[in-house]
């Protein structure tokens, strides 16, 4: 995306996405480059519109 990142995730039998602008990523202390290089290390919390790092 031009102003952020779209994160696609499995939902039921299909796929959905949440988009996050760079300001949101910074507020969550998420490095956009890390997210792009290793997206499986993150999970989407759709209720809170947040990304969380998996442990």
PDB file of N, CA and C in Angstrom:
ATOM      1  N   UNK A   1       0.830  -1.174   0.000  1.00  0.00           N
ATOM      2  CA  UNK A   1       0.000   0.000   0.000  1.00  0.00           C
ATOM      3  C   UNK A   1       0.880   1.245   0.000  1.00  0.00           C
ATOM      4  N   UNK A   2       0.338   2.312  -0.475  1.00  0.00           N
ATOM      5  CA  UNK A   2       1.098   3.559  -0.566  1.00  0.00           C
ATOM      6  C   UNK A   2       1.467   4.127   0.806  1.00  0.00           C
ATOM      7  N   UNK A   3       0.542   4.086   1.750  1.00  0.00           N
ATOM      8  CA  UNK A   3       0.771   4.704   3.059  1.00  0.00           C
ATOM      9  C   UNK A   3       0.874   3.712   4.199  1.00  0.00           C
ATOM     10  N   UNK A   4       1.082   2.444   3.887  1.00  0.00           N
ATOM     11  CA  UNK A   4       1.156   1.452   4.945  1.00  0.00           C
ATOM     12  C   UNK A   4       1.282   0.052   4.387  1.00  0.00           C
ATOM     13  N   UNK A   5       0.774  -0.905   5.161  1.00  0.00           N
ATOM     14  CA  UNK A   5       0.903  -2.319   4.808  1.00  0.00           C
ATOM     15  C   UNK A   5      -0.444  -3.004   4.971  1.00  0.00           C
ATOM     16  N   UNK A   6      -0.794  -3.839   4.008  1.00  0.00           N
ATOM     17  CA  UNK A   6      -1.993  -4.675   4.111  1.00  0.00           C
ATOM     18  C   UNK A   6      -1.546  -6.052   4.572  1.00  0.00           C
ATOM     19  N   UNK A   7      -2.163  -6.537   5.630  1.00  0.00           N
ATOM     20  CA  UNK A   7      -1.815  -7.837   6.203  1.00  0.00           C
ATOM     21  C   UNK A   7      -2.963  -8.794   5.934  1.00  0.00           C
ATOM     22  N   UNK A   8      -2.693  -9.835   5.153  1.00  0.00           N
ATOM     23  CA  UNK A   8      -3.707 -10.830   4.809  1.00  0.00           C
ATOM     24  C   UNK A   8      -3.627 -11.990   5.782  1.00  0.00           C
ATOM     25  N   UNK A   9      -4.792 -12.513   6.165  1.00  0.00           N
ATOM     26  CA  UNK A   9      -4.840 -13.631   7.100  1.00  0.00           C
ATOM     27  C   UNK A   9      -6.010 -14.536   6.737  1.00  0.00           C
ATOM     28  N   UNK A  10      -5.916 -15.794   7.179  1.00  0.00           N
ATOM     29  CA  UNK A  10      -6.974 -16.765   6.916  1.00  0.00           C
ATOM     30  C   UNK A  10      -8.156 -16.492   7.822  1.00  0.00           C
ATOM     31  N   UNK A  11      -9.350 -16.588   7.236  1.00  0.00           N
ATOM     32  CA  UNK A  11     -10.591 -16.399   7.994  1.00  0.00           C
ATOM     33  C   UNK A  11     -11.609 -17.383   7.449  1.00  0.00           C
ATOM     34  N   UNK A  12     -11.876 -18.419   8.235  1.00  0.00           N
ATOM     35  CA  UNK A  12     -12.784 -19.457   7.746  1.00  0.00           C
ATOM     36  C   UNK A  12     -12.165 -20.156   6.555  1.00  0.00           C
ATOM     37  N   UNK A  13     -12.917 -20.242   5.466  1.00  0.00           N
ATOM     38  CA  UNK A  13     -12.400 -20.897   4.265  1.00  0.00           C
ATOM     39  C   UNK A  13     -11.781 -19.899   3.291  1.00  0.00           C
ATOM     40  N   UNK A  14     -11.757 -18.628   3.676  1.00  0.00           N
ATOM     41  CA  UNK A  14     -11.232 -17.605   2.780  1.00  0.00           C
ATOM     42  C   UNK A  14     -10.088 -16.828   3.390  1.00  0.00           C
ATOM     43  N   UNK A  15      -9.918 -15.654   2.851  1.00  0.00           N
ATOM     44  CA  UNK A  15      -8.831 -14.793   3.284  1.00  0.00           C
ATOM     45  C   UNK A  15      -9.373 -13.377   3.445  1.00  0.00           C
ATOM     46  N   UNK A  16      -8.943 -12.683   4.493  1.00  0.00           N
ATOM     47  CA  UNK A  16      -9.315 -11.298   4.732  1.00  0.00           C
ATOM     48  C   UNK A  16      -8.038 -10.493   4.933  1.00  0.00           C
ATOM     49  N   UNK A  17      -8.198  -9.182   5.032  1.00  0.00           N
ATOM     50  CA  UNK A  17      -7.017  -8.370   5.306  1.00  0.00           C
ATOM     51  C   UNK A  17      -7.363  -7.202   6.203  1.00  0.00           C
ATOM     52  N   UNK A  18      -6.350  -6.740   6.905  1.00  0.00           N
ATOM     53  CA  UNK A  18      -6.396  -5.520   7.716  1.00  0.00           C
ATOM     54  C   UNK A  18      -5.283  -4.632   7.172  1.00  0.00           C
ATOM     55  N   UNK A  19      -5.564  -3.369   7.043  1.00  0.00           N
ATOM     56  CA  UNK A  19      -4.517  -2.455   6.596  1.00  0.00           C
ATOM     57  C   UNK A  19      -4.077  -1.583   7.764  1.00  0.00           C
ATOM     58  N   UNK A  20      -2.791  -1.317   7.801  1.00  0.00           N
ATOM     59  CA  UNK A  20      -2.188  -0.514   8.857  1.00  0.00           C
ATOM     60  C   UNK A  20      -1.328   0.552   8.201  1.00  0.00           C
ATOM     61  N   UNK A  21      -1.538   1.807   8.575  1.00  0.00           N
ATOM     62  CA  UNK A  21      -0.671   2.849   8.034  1.00  0.00           C
ATOM     63  C   UNK A  21       0.611   2.884   8.868  1.00  0.00           C
ATOM     64  N   UNK A  22       1.606   3.591   8.367  1.00  0.00           N
ATOM     65  CA  UNK A  22       2.910   3.583   9.029  1.00  0.00           C
ATOM     66  C   UNK A  22       2.840   4.186  10.435  1.00  0.00           C
ATOM     67  N   UNK A  23       1.996   5.168  10.629  1.00  0.00           N
ATOM     68  CA  UNK A  23       1.839   5.770  11.950  1.00  0.00           C
ATOM     69  C   UNK A  23       1.314   4.744  12.960  1.00  0.00           C
ATOM     70  N   UNK A  24       0.357   3.931  12.539  1.00  0.00           N
ATOM     71  CA  UNK A  24      -0.173   2.877  13.412  1.00  0.00           C
ATOM     72  C   UNK A  24       0.912   1.865  13.760  1.00  0.00           C
ATOM     73  N   UNK A  25       1.706   1.478  12.764  1.00  0.00           N
ATOM     74  CA  UNK A  25       2.789   0.524  13.009  1.00  0.00           C
ATOM     75  C   UNK A  25       3.798   1.081  14.003  1.00  0.00           C
ATOM     76  N   UNK A  26       4.135   2.345  13.861  1.00  0.00           N
ATOM     77  CA  UNK A  26       5.078   2.982  14.781  1.00  0.00           C
ATOM     78  C   UNK A  26       4.500   3.000  16.196  1.00  0.00           C
ATOM     79  N   UNK A  27       3.224   3.344  16.314  1.00  0.00           N
ATOM     80  CA  UNK A  27       2.575   3.369  17.635  1.00  0.00           C
ATOM     81  C   UNK A  27       2.575   1.991  18.298  1.00  0.00           C
ATOM     82  N   UNK A  28       2.477   0.925  17.473  1.00  0.00           N
ATOM     83  CA  UNK A  28       2.495  -0.446  18.001  1.00  0.00           C
ATOM     84  C   UNK A  28       3.917  -0.971  18.174  1.00  0.00           C
ATOM     85  N   UNK A  29       4.907  -0.138  17.832  1.00  0.00           N
ATOM     86  CA  UNK A  29       6.325  -0.510  17.889  1.00  0.00           C
ATOM     87  C   UNK A  29       6.627  -1.707  16.976  1.00  0.00           C
ATOM     88  N   UNK A  30       5.991  -1.691  15.785  1.00  0.00           N
ATOM     89  CA  UNK A  30       6.208  -2.722  14.775  1.00  0.00           C
ATOM     90  C   UNK A  30       7.094  -2.136  13.688  1.00  0.00           C
ATOM     91  N   UNK A  31       8.200  -2.792  13.409  1.00  0.00           N
ATOM     92  CA  UNK A  31       9.091  -2.383  12.336  1.00  0.00           C
ATOM     93  C   UNK A  31       8.521  -2.922  11.024  1.00  0.00           C
ATOM     94  N   UNK A  32       8.165  -2.029  10.106  1.00  0.00           N
ATOM     95  CA  UNK A  32       7.531  -2.429   8.852  1.00  0.00           C
ATOM     96  C   UNK A  32       8.419  -3.381   8.048  1.00  0.00           C
ATOM     97  N   UNK A  33       9.709  -3.160   8.038  1.00  0.00           N
ATOM     98  CA  UNK A  33      10.618  -4.034   7.300  1.00  0.00           C
ATOM     99  C   UNK A  33      10.642  -5.431   7.914  1.00  0.00           C
ATOM    100  N   UNK A  34      10.660  -5.519   9.239  1.00  0.00           N
ATOM    101  CA  UNK A  34      10.596  -6.826   9.907  1.00  0.00           C
ATOM    102  C   UNK A  34       9.298  -7.547   9.554  1.00  0.00           C
ATOM    103  N   UNK A  35       8.196  -6.804   9.545  1.00  0.00           N
ATOM    104  CA  UNK A  35       6.901  -7.384   9.208  1.00  0.00           C
ATOM    105  C   UNK A  35       6.902  -7.937   7.783  1.00  0.00           C
ATOM    106  N   UNK A  36       7.476  -7.195   6.870  1.00  0.00           N
ATOM    107  CA  UNK A  36       7.533  -7.658   5.475  1.00  0.00           C
ATOM    108  C   UNK A  36       8.465  -8.854   5.302  1.00  0.00           C
ATOM    109  N   UNK A  37       9.566  -8.881   6.031  1.00  0.00           N
ATOM    110  CA  UNK A  37      10.536  -9.963   5.892  1.00  0.00           C
ATOM    111  C   UNK A  37      10.106 -11.242   6.597  1.00  0.00           C
ATOM    112  N   UNK A  38       9.361 -11.116   7.681  1.00  0.00           N
ATOM    113  CA  UNK A  38       8.971 -12.298   8.456  1.00  0.00           C
ATOM    114  C   UNK A  38       7.535 -12.163   8.965  1.00  0.00           C
ATOM    115  N   UNK A  39       6.574 -12.156   8.052  1.00  0.00           N
ATOM    116  CA  UNK A  39       5.174 -11.925   8.447  1.00  0.00           C
ATOM    117  C   UNK A  39       4.594 -13.012   9.349  1.00  0.00           C
ATOM    118  N   UNK A  40       5.140 -14.219   9.304  1.00  0.00           N
ATOM    119  CA  UNK A  40       4.606 -15.307  10.132  1.00  0.00           C
ATOM    120  C   UNK A  40       4.941 -15.136  11.605  1.00  0.00           C
ATOM    121  N   UNK A  41       5.780 -14.155  11.930  1.00  0.00           N
ATOM    122  CA  UNK A  41       6.111 -13.875  13.322  1.00  0.00           C
ATOM    123  C   UNK A  41       5.075 -12.966  13.987  1.00  0.00           C
ATOM    124  N   UNK A  42       4.062 -12.570  13.214  1.00  0.00           N
ATOM    125  CA  UNK A  42       3.052 -11.644  13.717  1.00  0.00           C
ATOM    126  C   UNK A  42       1.662 -12.254  13.579  1.00  0.00           C
ATOM    127  N   UNK A  43       0.776 -11.837  14.483  1.00  0.00           N
ATOM    128  CA  UNK A  43      -0.623 -12.245  14.428  1.00  0.00           C
ATOM    129  C   UNK A  43      -1.488 -10.989  14.393  1.00  0.00           C
ATOM    130  N   UNK A  44      -2.664 -11.107  13.785  1.00  0.00           N
ATOM    131  CA  UNK A  44      -3.583  -9.981  13.678  1.00  0.00           C
ATOM    132  C   UNK A  44      -4.658 -10.113  14.749  1.00  0.00           C
ATOM    133  N   UNK A  45      -4.834  -9.080  15.530  1.00  0.00           N
ATOM    134  CA  UNK A  45      -5.933  -8.991  16.492  1.00  0.00           C
ATOM    135  C   UNK A  45      -6.985  -8.107  15.831  1.00  0.00           C
ATOM    136  N   UNK A  46      -7.960  -8.732  15.191  1.00  0.00           N
ATOM    137  CA  UNK A  46      -8.946  -7.981  14.404  1.00  0.00           C
ATOM    138  C   UNK A  46      -9.880  -7.163  15.282  1.00  0.00           C
ATOM    139  N   UNK A  47     -10.153  -7.623  16.492  1.00  0.00           N
ATOM    140  CA  UNK A  47     -11.058  -6.885  17.379  1.00  0.00           C
ATOM    141  C   UNK A  47     -10.460  -5.551  17.809  1.00  0.00           C
ATOM    142  N   UNK A  48      -9.150  -5.533  18.038  1.00  0.00           N
ATOM    143  CA  UNK A  48      -8.486  -4.311  18.495  1.00  0.00           C
ATOM    144  C   UNK A  48      -7.748  -3.583  17.370  1.00  0.00           C
ATOM    145  N   UNK A  49      -7.794  -4.140  16.140  1.00  0.00           N
ATOM    146  CA  UNK A  49      -7.080  -3.590  14.983  1.00  0.00           C
ATOM    147  C   UNK A  49      -5.612  -3.370  15.354  1.00  0.00           C
ATOM    148  N   UNK A  50      -4.971  -4.480  15.736  1.00  0.00           N
ATOM    149  CA  UNK A  50      -3.574  -4.433  16.147  1.00  0.00           C
ATOM    150  C   UNK A  50      -2.823  -5.636  15.589  1.00  0.00           C
ATOM    151  N   UNK A  51      -1.529  -5.478  15.515  1.00  0.00           N
ATOM    152  CA  UNK A  51      -0.627  -6.587  15.218  1.00  0.00           C
ATOM    153  C   UNK A  51       0.097  -6.929  16.495  1.00  0.00           C
ATOM    154  N   UNK A  52       0.293  -8.205  16.741  1.00  0.00           N
ATOM    155  CA  UNK A  52       1.050  -8.644  17.906  1.00  0.00           C
ATOM    156  C   UNK A  52       2.121  -9.627  17.446  1.00  0.00           C
ATOM    157  N   UNK A  53       3.257  -9.549  18.083  1.00  0.00           N
ATOM    158  CA  UNK A  53       4.354 -10.446  17.740  1.00  0.00           C
ATOM    159  C   UNK A  53       4.116 -11.779  18.437  1.00  0.00           C
ATOM    160  N   UNK A  54       4.222 -12.864  17.669  1.00  0.00           N
ATOM    161  CA  UNK A  54       4.092 -14.196  18.247  1.00  0.00           C
ATOM    162  C   UNK A  54       5.337 -14.522  19.038  1.00  0.00           C
ATOM    163  N   UNK A  55       5.171 -15.309  20.062  1.00  0.00           N
ATOM    164  CA  UNK A  55       6.326 -15.688  20.884  1.00  0.00           C
ATOM    165  C   UNK A  55       6.857 -17.012  20.463  1.00  0.00           C
TER     166      UNK A  55
END
